[in-house]
């Protein structure tokens, strides 16, 4: 019984920390420039590392690349994407990522 109370208290602290981090990145919109062809297809891709770096720089947050969810894999086209960041099993925040072609 005591152990269960300790685990519940620890889980509440973790969720509170995740809620605080979620408030920092709520509604953040980042633009990532990538090398792309004329049809909008990227030469390469935009993955979790690039998204994490851009969100951390824009929001002053400390998300980890393992928290960024890309269910369809890395982004391979230009456009706007709503990316989920799962900070805790109960805390998920959506971030808008705009992948734009690099201007030469």
PDB file of N, CA and C in Angstrom:
ATOM      1  N   UNK A   1       0.829  -1.195   0.000  1.00  0.00           N
ATOM      2  CA  UNK A   1       0.000   0.000   0.000  1.00  0.00           C
ATOM      3  C   UNK A   1       0.880   1.267   0.000  1.00  0.00           C
ATOM      4  N   UNK A   2       1.913   1.266   0.807  1.00  0.00           N
ATOM      5  CA  UNK A   2       2.821   2.410   0.879  1.00  0.00           C
ATOM      6  C   UNK A   2       3.554   2.569  -0.451  1.00  0.00           C
ATOM      7  N   UNK A   3       4.007   1.469  -1.006  1.00  0.00           N
ATOM      8  CA  UNK A   3       4.729   1.492  -2.283  1.00  0.00           C
ATOM      9  C   UNK A   3       3.842   2.056  -3.393  1.00  0.00           C
ATOM     10  N   UNK A   4       2.577   1.656  -3.385  1.00  0.00           N
ATOM     11  CA  UNK A   4       1.645   2.145  -4.397  1.00  0.00           C
ATOM     12  C   UNK A   4       1.465   3.662  -4.277  1.00  0.00           C
ATOM     13  N   UNK A   5       1.380   4.158  -3.078  1.00  0.00           N
ATOM     14  CA  UNK A   5       1.244   5.603  -2.853  1.00  0.00           C
ATOM     15  C   UNK A   5       2.484   6.340  -3.355  1.00  0.00           C
ATOM     16  N   UNK A   6       3.652   5.765  -3.123  1.00  0.00           N
ATOM     17  CA  UNK A   6       4.890   6.373  -3.610  1.00  0.00           C
ATOM     18  C   UNK A   6       4.910   6.425  -5.137  1.00  0.00           C
ATOM     19  N   UNK A   7       4.490   5.332  -5.778  1.00  0.00           N
ATOM     20  CA  UNK A   7       4.461   5.286  -7.238  1.00  0.00           C
ATOM     21  C   UNK A   7       3.458   6.290  -7.804  1.00  0.00           C
ATOM     22  N   UNK A   8       2.303   6.420  -7.167  1.00  0.00           N
ATOM     23  CA  UNK A   8       1.304   7.382  -7.624  1.00  0.00           C
ATOM     24  C   UNK A   8       1.810   8.815  -7.482  1.00  0.00           C
ATOM     25  N   UNK A   9       2.519   9.100  -6.402  1.00  0.00           N
ATOM     26  CA  UNK A   9       3.078  10.438  -6.190  1.00  0.00           C
ATOM     27  C   UNK A   9       4.139  10.743  -7.251  1.00  0.00           C
ATOM     28  N   UNK A  10       4.993   9.767  -7.540  1.00  0.00           N
ATOM     29  CA  UNK A  10       6.030   9.958  -8.556  1.00  0.00           C
ATOM     30  C   UNK A  10       5.398  10.175  -9.931  1.00  0.00           C
ATOM     31  N   UNK A  11       4.345   9.422 -10.234  1.00  0.00           N
ATOM     32  CA  UNK A  11       3.662   9.578 -11.521  1.00  0.00           C
ATOM     33  C   UNK A  11       3.019  10.957 -11.625  1.00  0.00           C
ATOM     34  N   UNK A  12       2.475  11.456 -10.534  1.00  0.00           N
ATOM     35  CA  UNK A  12       1.863  12.791 -10.538  1.00  0.00           C
ATOM     36  C   UNK A  12       2.912  13.871 -10.777  1.00  0.00           C
ATOM     37  N   UNK A  13       4.088  13.711 -10.194  1.00  0.00           N
ATOM     38  CA  UNK A  13       5.174  14.682 -10.397  1.00  0.00           C
ATOM     39  C   UNK A  13       5.623  14.666 -11.859  1.00  0.00           C
ATOM     40  N   UNK A  14       5.772  13.473 -12.446  1.00  0.00           N
ATOM     41  CA  UNK A  14       6.181  13.355 -13.846  1.00  0.00           C
ATOM     42  C   UNK A  14       5.148  13.987 -14.774  1.00  0.00           C
ATOM     43  N   UNK A  15       3.864  13.753 -14.505  1.00  0.00           N
ATOM     44  CA  UNK A  15       2.807  14.323 -15.337  1.00  0.00           C
ATOM     45  C   UNK A  15       2.794  15.841 -15.199  1.00  0.00           C
ATOM     46  N   UNK A  16       3.013  16.355 -13.999  1.00  0.00           N
ATOM     47  CA  UNK A  16       3.066  17.804 -13.797  1.00  0.00           C
ATOM     48  C   UNK A  16       4.204  18.435 -14.579  1.00  0.00           C
ATOM     49  N   UNK A  17       5.362  17.765 -14.580  1.00  0.00           N
ATOM     50  CA  UNK A  17       6.513  18.265 -15.341  1.00  0.00           C
ATOM     51  C   UNK A  17       6.206  18.242 -16.840  1.00  0.00           C
ATOM     52  N   UNK A  18       5.541  17.188 -17.298  1.00  0.00           N
ATOM     53  CA  UNK A  18       5.182  17.090 -18.709  1.00  0.00           C
ATOM     54  C   UNK A  18       4.172  18.178 -19.088  1.00  0.00           C
ATOM     55  N   UNK A  19       3.227  18.479 -18.205  1.00  0.00           N
ATOM     56  CA  UNK A  19       2.260  19.548 -18.468  1.00  0.00           C
ATOM     57  C   UNK A  19       2.959  20.896 -18.593  1.00  0.00           C
ATOM     58  N   UNK A  20       3.958  21.140 -17.747  1.00  0.00           N
ATOM     59  CA  UNK A  20       4.719  22.387 -17.804  1.00  0.00           C
ATOM     60  C   UNK A  20       5.472  22.502 -19.126  1.00  0.00           C
ATOM     61  N   UNK A  21       6.105  21.406 -19.546  1.00  0.00           N
ATOM     62  CA  UNK A  21       6.825  21.399 -20.820  1.00  0.00           C
ATOM     63  C   UNK A  21       5.859  21.575 -21.986  1.00  0.00           C
ATOM     64  N   UNK A  22       4.658  20.975 -21.876  1.00  0.00           N
ATOM     65  CA  UNK A  22       3.656  21.085 -22.939  1.00  0.00           C
ATOM     66  C   UNK A  22       3.204  22.527 -23.105  1.00  0.00           C
ATOM     67  N   UNK A  23       3.083  23.255 -22.004  1.00  0.00           N
ATOM     68  CA  UNK A  23       2.660  24.653 -22.072  1.00  0.00           C
ATOM     69  C   UNK A  23       3.677  25.491 -22.851  1.00  0.00           C
ATOM     70  N   UNK A  24       4.956  25.131 -22.764  1.00  0.00           N
ATOM     71  CA  UNK A  24       5.999  25.869 -23.483  1.00  0.00           C
ATOM     72  C   UNK A  24       5.871  25.720 -24.995  1.00  0.00           C
ATOM     73  N   UNK A  25       5.513  24.524 -25.455  1.00  0.00           N
ATOM     74  CA  UNK A  25       5.512  24.276 -26.894  1.00  0.00           C
ATOM     75  C   UNK A  25       4.110  24.275 -27.502  1.00  0.00           C
ATOM     76  N   UNK A  26       3.095  24.546 -26.706  1.00  0.00           N
ATOM     77  CA  UNK A  26       1.719  24.593 -27.208  1.00  0.00           C
ATOM     78  C   UNK A  26       1.599  25.677 -28.282  1.00  0.00           C
ATOM     79  N   UNK A  27       1.132  25.302 -29.463  1.00  0.00           N
ATOM     80  CA  UNK A  27       0.911  26.270 -30.532  1.00  0.00           C
ATOM     81  C   UNK A  27       2.162  26.749 -31.247  1.00  0.00           C
ATOM     82  N   UNK A  28       3.296  26.111 -31.014  1.00  0.00           N
ATOM     83  CA  UNK A  28       4.531  26.517 -31.679  1.00  0.00           C
ATOM     84  C   UNK A  28       4.458  26.144 -33.159  1.00  0.00           C
ATOM     85  N   UNK A  29       4.941  27.047 -33.994  1.00  0.00           N
ATOM     86  CA  UNK A  29       5.008  26.808 -35.434  1.00  0.00           C
ATOM     87  C   UNK A  29       6.445  27.036 -35.873  1.00  0.00           C
ATOM     88  N   UNK A  30       7.053  26.030 -36.485  1.00  0.00           N
ATOM     89  CA  UNK A  30       8.441  26.146 -36.929  1.00  0.00           C
ATOM     90  C   UNK A  30       8.532  25.919 -38.432  1.00  0.00           C
ATOM     91  N   UNK A  31       9.499  26.591 -39.043  1.00  0.00           N
ATOM     92  CA  UNK A  31       9.753  26.415 -40.472  1.00  0.00           C
ATOM     93  C   UNK A  31      11.145  25.817 -40.634  1.00  0.00           C
ATOM     94  N   UNK A  32      11.206  24.758 -41.405  1.00  0.00           N
ATOM     95  CA  UNK A  32      12.474  24.082 -41.660  1.00  0.00           C
ATOM     96  C   UNK A  32      12.752  24.177 -43.155  1.00  0.00           C
ATOM     97  N   UNK A  33      13.894  24.749 -43.497  1.00  0.00           N
ATOM     98  CA  UNK A  33      14.283  24.860 -44.906  1.00  0.00           C
ATOM     99  C   UNK A  33      15.025  23.603 -45.305  1.00  0.00           C
ATOM    100  N   UNK A  34      14.636  23.031 -46.433  1.00  0.00           N
ATOM    101  CA  UNK A  34      15.273  21.804 -46.910  1.00  0.00           C
ATOM    102  C   UNK A  34      15.488  21.915 -48.413  1.00  0.00           C
ATOM    103  N   UNK A  35      16.472  21.207 -48.897  1.00  0.00           N
ATOM    104  CA  UNK A  35      16.789  21.194 -50.315  1.00  0.00           C
ATOM    105  C   UNK A  35      15.736  20.357 -51.036  1.00  0.00           C
ATOM    106  N   UNK A  36      15.004  20.990 -51.971  1.00  0.00           N
ATOM    107  CA  UNK A  36      13.903  20.301 -52.641  1.00  0.00           C
ATOM    108  C   UNK A  36      13.937  20.545 -54.139  1.00  0.00           C
ATOM    109  N   UNK A  37      13.338  19.617 -54.864  1.00  0.00           N
ATOM    110  CA  UNK A  37      13.214  19.759 -56.311  1.00  0.00           C
ATOM    111  C   UNK A  37      12.028  20.637 -56.657  1.00  0.00           C
ATOM    112  N   UNK A  38      11.798  20.833 -57.953  1.00  0.00           N
ATOM    113  CA  UNK A  38      10.723  21.705 -58.407  1.00  0.00           C
ATOM    114  C   UNK A  38       9.339  21.189 -58.025  1.00  0.00           C
ATOM    115  N   UNK A  39       9.176  19.898 -57.922  1.00  0.00           N
ATOM    116  CA  UNK A  39       7.863  19.325 -57.605  1.00  0.00           C
ATOM    117  C   UNK A  39       7.602  19.248 -56.091  1.00  0.00           C
ATOM    118  N   UNK A  40       8.515  19.769 -55.273  1.00  0.00           N
ATOM    119  CA  UNK A  40       8.321  19.778 -53.823  1.00  0.00           C
ATOM    120  C   UNK A  40       8.865  18.550 -53.120  1.00  0.00           C
ATOM    121  N   UNK A  41       9.446  17.628 -53.862  1.00  0.00           N
ATOM    122  CA  UNK A  41      10.029  16.435 -53.246  1.00  0.00           C
ATOM    123  C   UNK A  41      11.416  16.792 -52.717  1.00  0.00           C
ATOM    124  N   UNK A  42      11.659  16.408 -51.467  1.00  0.00           N
ATOM    125  CA  UNK A  42      12.940  16.744 -50.836  1.00  0.00           C
ATOM    126  C   UNK A  42      14.058  15.832 -51.321  1.00  0.00           C
ATOM    127  N   UNK A  43      15.256  16.394 -51.403  1.00  0.00           N
ATOM    128  CA  UNK A  43      16.459  15.590 -51.618  1.00  0.00           C
ATOM    129  C   UNK A  43      16.912  15.186 -50.220  1.00  0.00           C
ATOM    130  N   UNK A  44      16.479  14.042 -49.769  1.00  0.00           N
ATOM    131  CA  UNK A  44      16.699  13.625 -48.388  1.00  0.00           C
ATOM    132  C   UNK A  44      15.375  13.678 -47.658  1.00  0.00           C
ATOM    133  N   UNK A  45      15.406  13.994 -46.368  1.00  0.00           N
ATOM    134  CA  UNK A  45      14.169  14.039 -45.599  1.00  0.00           C
ATOM    135  C   UNK A  45      14.358  14.906 -44.362  1.00  0.00           C
ATOM    136  N   UNK A  46      13.246  15.233 -43.731  1.00  0.00           N
ATOM    137  CA  UNK A  46      13.254  15.948 -42.459  1.00  0.00           C
ATOM    138  C   UNK A  46      12.772  14.948 -41.413  1.00  0.00           C
ATOM    139  N   UNK A  47      13.646  14.655 -40.451  1.00  0.00           N
ATOM    140  CA  UNK A  47      13.323  13.648 -39.450  1.00  0.00           C
ATOM    141  C   UNK A  47      13.141  14.236 -38.066  1.00  0.00           C
ATOM    142  N   UNK A  48      13.125  13.358 -37.088  1.00  0.00           N
ATOM    143  CA  UNK A  48      12.869  13.770 -35.702  1.00  0.00           C
ATOM    144  C   UNK A  48      13.951  14.703 -35.179  1.00  0.00           C
ATOM    145  N   UNK A  49      15.189  14.506 -35.567  1.00  0.00           N
ATOM    146  CA  UNK A  49      16.283  15.359 -35.077  1.00  0.00           C
ATOM    147  C   UNK A  49      16.096  16.808 -35.522  1.00  0.00           C
ATOM    148  N   UNK A  50      15.794  17.026 -36.812  1.00  0.00           N
ATOM    149  CA  UNK A  50      15.602  18.383 -37.317  1.00  0.00           C
ATOM    150  C   UNK A  50      14.398  19.052 -36.655  1.00  0.00           C
ATOM    151  N   UNK A  51      13.314  18.291 -36.491  1.00  0.00           N
ATOM    152  CA  UNK A  51      12.112  18.831 -35.856  1.00  0.00           C
ATOM    153  C   UNK A  51      12.404  19.181 -34.397  1.00  0.00           C
ATOM    154  N   UNK A  52      13.094  18.305 -33.685  1.00  0.00           N
ATOM    155  CA  UNK A  52      13.435  18.557 -32.283  1.00  0.00           C
ATOM    156  C   UNK A  52      14.287  19.807 -32.145  1.00  0.00           C
ATOM    157  N   UNK A  53      15.318  19.931 -32.982  1.00  0.00           N
ATOM    158  CA  UNK A  53      16.193  21.101 -32.915  1.00  0.00           C
ATOM    159  C   UNK A  53      15.420  22.386 -33.190  1.00  0.00           C
ATOM    160  N   UNK A  54      14.530  22.371 -34.185  1.00  0.00           N
ATOM    161  CA  UNK A  54      13.770  23.575 -34.541  1.00  0.00           C
ATOM    162  C   UNK A  54      12.797  23.966 -33.426  1.00  0.00           C
ATOM    163  N   UNK A  55      12.103  22.991 -32.847  1.00  0.00           N
ATOM    164  CA  UNK A  55      11.135  23.288 -31.777  1.00  0.00           C
ATOM    165  C   UNK A  55      11.859  23.785 -30.536  1.00  0.00           C
ATOM    166  N   UNK A  56      12.966  23.150 -30.181  1.00  0.00           N
ATOM    167  CA  UNK A  56      13.727  23.590 -29.003  1.00  0.00           C
ATOM    168  C   UNK A  56      14.247  25.010 -29.183  1.00  0.00           C
ATOM    169  N   UNK A  57      14.698  25.348 -30.385  1.00  0.00           N
ATOM    170  CA  UNK A  57      15.205  26.701 -30.636  1.00  0.00           C
ATOM    171  C   UNK A  57      14.073  27.725 -30.604  1.00  0.00           C
ATOM    172  N   UNK A  58      12.920  27.366 -31.150  1.00  0.00           N
ATOM    173  CA  UNK A  58      11.803  28.315 -31.235  1.00  0.00           C
ATOM    174  C   UNK A  58      11.116  28.527 -29.890  1.00  0.00           C
ATOM    175  N   UNK A  59      10.971  27.457 -29.109  1.00  0.00           N
ATOM    176  CA  UNK A  59      10.183  27.549 -27.879  1.00  0.00           C
ATOM    177  C   UNK A  59      11.035  27.608 -26.621  1.00  0.00           C
ATOM    178  N   UNK A  60      12.333  27.393 -26.753  1.00  0.00           N
ATOM    179  CA  UNK A  60      13.177  27.351 -25.564  1.00  0.00           C
ATOM    180  C   UNK A  60      12.839  26.159 -24.696  1.00  0.00           C
ATOM    181  N   UNK A  61      12.413  25.079 -25.323  1.00  0.00           N
ATOM    182  CA  UNK A  61      12.012  23.876 -24.588  1.00  0.00           C
ATOM    183  C   UNK A  61      13.142  22.852 -24.595  1.00  0.00           C
ATOM    184  N   UNK A  62      12.857  21.694 -24.047  1.00  0.00           N
ATOM    185  CA  UNK A  62      13.883  20.653 -23.968  1.00  0.00           C
ATOM    186  C   UNK A  62      13.307  19.291 -24.346  1.00  0.00           C
ATOM    187  N   UNK A  63      12.596  19.248 -25.490  1.00  0.00           N
ATOM    188  CA  UNK A  63      12.056  17.962 -25.914  1.00  0.00           C
ATOM    189  C   UNK A  63      13.176  17.099 -26.480  1.00  0.00           C
ATOM    190  N   UNK A  64      12.954  15.808 -26.445  1.00  0.00           N
ATOM    191  CA  UNK A  64      13.924  14.840 -26.945  1.00  0.00           C
ATOM    192  C   UNK A  64      13.404  14.281 -28.262  1.00  0.00           C
ATOM    193  N   UNK A  65      14.298  13.849 -29.133  1.00  0.00           N
ATOM    194  CA  UNK A  65      13.852  13.357 -30.436  1.00  0.00           C
ATOM    195  C   UNK A  65      12.993  12.098 -30.316  1.00  0.00           C
ATOM    196  N   UNK A  66      13.120  11.354 -29.231  1.00  0.00           N
ATOM    197  CA  UNK A  66      12.285  10.164 -29.053  1.00  0.00           C
ATOM    198  C   UNK A  66      10.839  10.522 -28.718  1.00  0.00           C
ATOM    199  N   UNK A  67      10.583  11.783 -28.375  1.00  0.00           N
ATOM    200  CA  UNK A  67       9.226  12.217 -28.043  1.00  0.00           C
ATOM    201  C   UNK A  67       8.453  12.700 -29.268  1.00  0.00           C
ATOM    202  N   UNK A  68       9.138  12.896 -30.389  1.00  0.00           N
ATOM    203  CA  UNK A  68       8.491  13.346 -31.623  1.00  0.00           C
ATOM    204  C   UNK A  68       7.926  12.124 -32.338  1.00  0.00           C
ATOM    205  N   UNK A  69       6.637  12.189 -32.675  1.00  0.00           N
ATOM    206  CA  UNK A  69       5.966  11.056 -33.314  1.00  0.00           C
ATOM    207  C   UNK A  69       5.784  11.314 -34.803  1.00  0.00           C
ATOM    208  N   UNK A  70       6.385  10.456 -35.616  1.00  0.00           N
ATOM    209  CA  UNK A  70       6.237  10.505 -37.069  1.00  0.00           C
ATOM    210  C   UNK A  70       5.721   9.134 -37.522  1.00  0.00           C
ATOM    211  N   UNK A  71       4.408   8.902 -37.426  1.00  0.00           N
ATOM    212  CA  UNK A  71       3.875   7.570 -37.725  1.00  0.00           C
ATOM    213  C   UNK A  71       4.096   7.126 -39.172  1.00  0.00           C
ATOM    214  N   UNK A  72       4.209   8.087 -40.091  1.00  0.00           N
ATOM    215  CA  UNK A  72       4.419   7.738 -41.496  1.00  0.00           C
ATOM    216  C   UNK A  72       5.875   7.862 -41.909  1.00  0.00           C
ATOM    217  N   UNK A  73       6.765   8.023 -40.942  1.00  0.00           N
ATOM    218  CA  UNK A  73       8.180   8.138 -41.237  1.00  0.00           C
ATOM    219  C   UNK A  73       8.585   9.584 -41.460  1.00  0.00           C
ATOM    220  N   UNK A  74       9.811   9.771 -41.876  1.00  0.00           N
ATOM    221  CA  UNK A  74      10.371  11.117 -42.081  1.00  0.00           C
ATOM    222  C   UNK A  74       9.589  11.857 -43.166  1.00  0.00           C
ATOM    223  N   UNK A  75       9.594  13.178 -43.061  1.00  0.00           N
ATOM    224  CA  UNK A  75       8.888  14.026 -44.032  1.00  0.00           C
ATOM    225  C   UNK A  75       9.727  14.132 -45.298  1.00  0.00           C
ATOM    226  N   UNK A  76       9.109  13.850 -46.438  1.00  0.00           N
ATOM    227  CA  UNK A  76       9.847  13.825 -47.696  1.00  0.00           C
ATOM    228  C   UNK A  76       9.312  14.804 -48.738  1.00  0.00           C
ATOM    229  N   UNK A  77       8.340  15.649 -48.344  1.00  0.00           N
ATOM    230  CA  UNK A  77       7.775  16.652 -49.256  1.00  0.00           C
ATOM    231  C   UNK A  77       7.672  17.988 -48.533  1.00  0.00           C
ATOM    232  N   UNK A  78       7.642  19.070 -49.302  1.00  0.00           N
ATOM    233  CA  UNK A  78       7.409  20.379 -48.707  1.00  0.00           C
ATOM    234  C   UNK A  78       5.930  20.481 -48.330  1.00  0.00           C
ATOM    235  N   UNK A  79       5.629  21.372 -47.391  1.00  0.00           N
ATOM    236  CA  UNK A  79       4.243  21.567 -46.985  1.00  0.00           C
ATOM    237  C   UNK A  79       4.128  21.780 -45.489  1.00  0.00           C
ATOM    238  N   UNK A  80       2.884  21.828 -45.011  1.00  0.00           N
ATOM    239  CA  UNK A  80       2.610  21.999 -43.592  1.00  0.00           C
ATOM    240  C   UNK A  80       2.205  20.658 -42.996  1.00  0.00           C
ATOM    241  N   UNK A  81       2.746  20.373 -41.821  1.00  0.00           N
ATOM    242  CA  UNK A  81       2.464  19.112 -41.150  1.00  0.00           C
ATOM    243  C   UNK A  81       2.162  19.379 -39.683  1.00  0.00           C
ATOM    244  N   UNK A  82       1.162  18.692 -39.142  1.00  0.00           N
ATOM    245  CA  UNK A  82       0.898  18.741 -37.710  1.00  0.00           C
ATOM    246  C   UNK A  82       1.563  17.520 -37.099  1.00  0.00           C
ATOM    247  N   UNK A  83       2.579  17.766 -36.281  1.00  0.00           N
ATOM    248  CA  UNK A  83       3.379  16.702 -35.693  1.00  0.00           C
ATOM    249  C   UNK A  83       3.046  16.604 -34.207  1.00  0.00           C
ATOM    250  N   UNK A  84       2.823  15.375 -33.734  1.00  0.00           N
ATOM    251  CA  UNK A  84       2.558  15.158 -32.315  1.00  0.00           C
ATOM    252  C   UNK A  84       3.859  14.980 -31.556  1.00  0.00           C
ATOM    253  N   UNK A  85       3.916  15.601 -30.379  1.00  0.00           N
ATOM    254  CA  UNK A  85       5.035  15.434 -29.460  1.00  0.00           C
ATOM    255  C   UNK A  85       4.450  14.836 -28.193  1.00  0.00           C
ATOM    256  N   UNK A  86       4.839  13.602 -27.891  1.00  0.00           N
ATOM    257  CA  UNK A  86       4.296  12.910 -26.722  1.00  0.00           C
ATOM    258  C   UNK A  86       5.288  13.039 -25.573  1.00  0.00           C
ATOM    259  N   UNK A  87       4.948  13.924 -24.617  1.00  0.00           N
ATOM    260  CA  UNK A  87       5.822  14.214 -23.491  1.00  0.00           C
ATOM    261  C   UNK A  87       5.616  13.255 -22.329  1.00  0.00           C
ATOM    262  N   UNK A  88       4.465  12.624 -22.291  1.00  0.00           N
ATOM    263  CA  UNK A  88       4.095  11.698 -21.214  1.00  0.00           C
ATOM    264  C   UNK A  88       3.003  10.814 -21.800  1.00  0.00           C
ATOM    265  N   UNK A  89       2.744   9.683 -21.202  1.00  0.00           N
ATOM    266  CA  UNK A  89       1.716   8.802 -21.756  1.00  0.00           C
ATOM    267  C   UNK A  89       0.354   9.493 -21.825  1.00  0.00           C
ATOM    268  N   UNK A  90       0.119  10.512 -20.977  1.00  0.00           N
ATOM    269  CA  UNK A  90      -1.143  11.238 -20.972  1.00  0.00           C
ATOM    270  C   UNK A  90      -1.040  12.646 -21.544  1.00  0.00           C
ATOM    271  N   UNK A  91       0.145  13.061 -21.965  1.00  0.00           N
ATOM    272  CA  UNK A  91       0.347  14.441 -22.441  1.00  0.00           C
ATOM    273  C   UNK A  91       0.930  14.419 -23.852  1.00  0.00           C
ATOM    274  N   UNK A  92       0.111  14.839 -24.817  1.00  0.00           N
ATOM    275  CA  UNK A  92       0.554  14.930 -26.204  1.00  0.00           C
ATOM    276  C   UNK A  92       0.214  16.327 -26.719  1.00  0.00           C
ATOM    277  N   UNK A  93       1.176  16.966 -27.374  1.00  0.00           N
ATOM    278  CA  UNK A  93       1.001  18.316 -27.899  1.00  0.00           C
ATOM    279  C   UNK A  93       1.238  18.275 -29.404  1.00  0.00           C
ATOM    280  N   UNK A  94       0.442  19.039 -30.143  1.00  0.00           N
ATOM    281  CA  UNK A  94       0.612  19.120 -31.582  1.00  0.00           C
ATOM    282  C   UNK A  94       1.409  20.373 -31.932  1.00  0.00           C
ATOM    283  N   UNK A  95       2.380  20.218 -32.821  1.00  0.00           N
ATOM    284  CA  UNK A  95       3.239  21.317 -33.259  1.00  0.00           C
ATOM    285  C   UNK A  95       3.128  21.402 -34.778  1.00  0.00           C
ATOM    286  N   UNK A  96       3.020  22.621 -35.300  1.00  0.00           N
ATOM    287  CA  UNK A  96       2.946  22.792 -36.755  1.00  0.00           C
ATOM    288  C   UNK A  96       4.360  22.942 -37.304  1.00  0.00           C
ATOM    289  N   UNK A  97       4.699  22.077 -38.248  1.00  0.00           N
ATOM    290  CA  UNK A  97       6.005  22.110 -38.897  1.00  0.00           C
ATOM    291  C   UNK A  97       5.780  22.436 -40.366  1.00  0.00           C
ATOM    292  N   UNK A  98       6.442  23.480 -40.834  1.00  0.00           N
ATOM    293  CA  UNK A  98       6.367  23.883 -42.228  1.00  0.00           C
ATOM    294  C   UNK A  98       7.710  23.539 -42.872  1.00  0.00           C
ATOM    295  N   UNK A  99       7.662  22.678 -43.869  1.00  0.00           N
ATOM    296  CA  UNK A  99       8.877  22.324 -44.608  1.00  0.00           C
ATOM    297  C   UNK A  99       8.854  23.140 -45.895  1.00  0.00           C
ATOM    298  N   UNK A 100       9.844  24.009 -46.024  1.00  0.00           N
ATOM    299  CA  UNK A 100       9.914  24.890 -47.191  1.00  0.00           C
ATOM    300  C   UNK A 100      11.180  24.592 -47.980  1.00  0.00           C
ATOM    301  N   UNK A 101      11.113  24.824 -49.288  1.00  0.00           N
ATOM    302  CA  UNK A 101      12.287  24.644 -50.142  1.00  0.00           C
ATOM    303  C   UNK A 101      13.288  25.745 -49.850  1.00  0.00           C
ATOM    304  N   UNK A 102      14.547  25.385 -49.788  1.00  0.00           N
ATOM    305  CA  UNK A 102      15.610  26.387 -49.570  1.00  0.00           C
ATOM    306  C   UNK A 102      15.666  27.308 -50.773  1.00  0.00           C
ATOM    307  N   UNK A 103      15.808  28.599 -50.490  1.00  0.00           N
ATOM    308  CA  UNK A 103      15.989  29.540 -51.602  1.00  0.00           C
ATOM    309  C   UNK A 103      17.477  29.605 -51.933  1.00  0.00           C
ATOM    310  N   UNK A 104      17.780  29.702 -53.180  1.00  0.00           N
ATOM    311  CA  UNK A 104      19.176  29.660 -53.606  1.00  0.00           C
ATOM    312  C   UNK A 104      19.780  31.025 -53.718  1.00  0.00           C
TER     313      UNK A 104
END
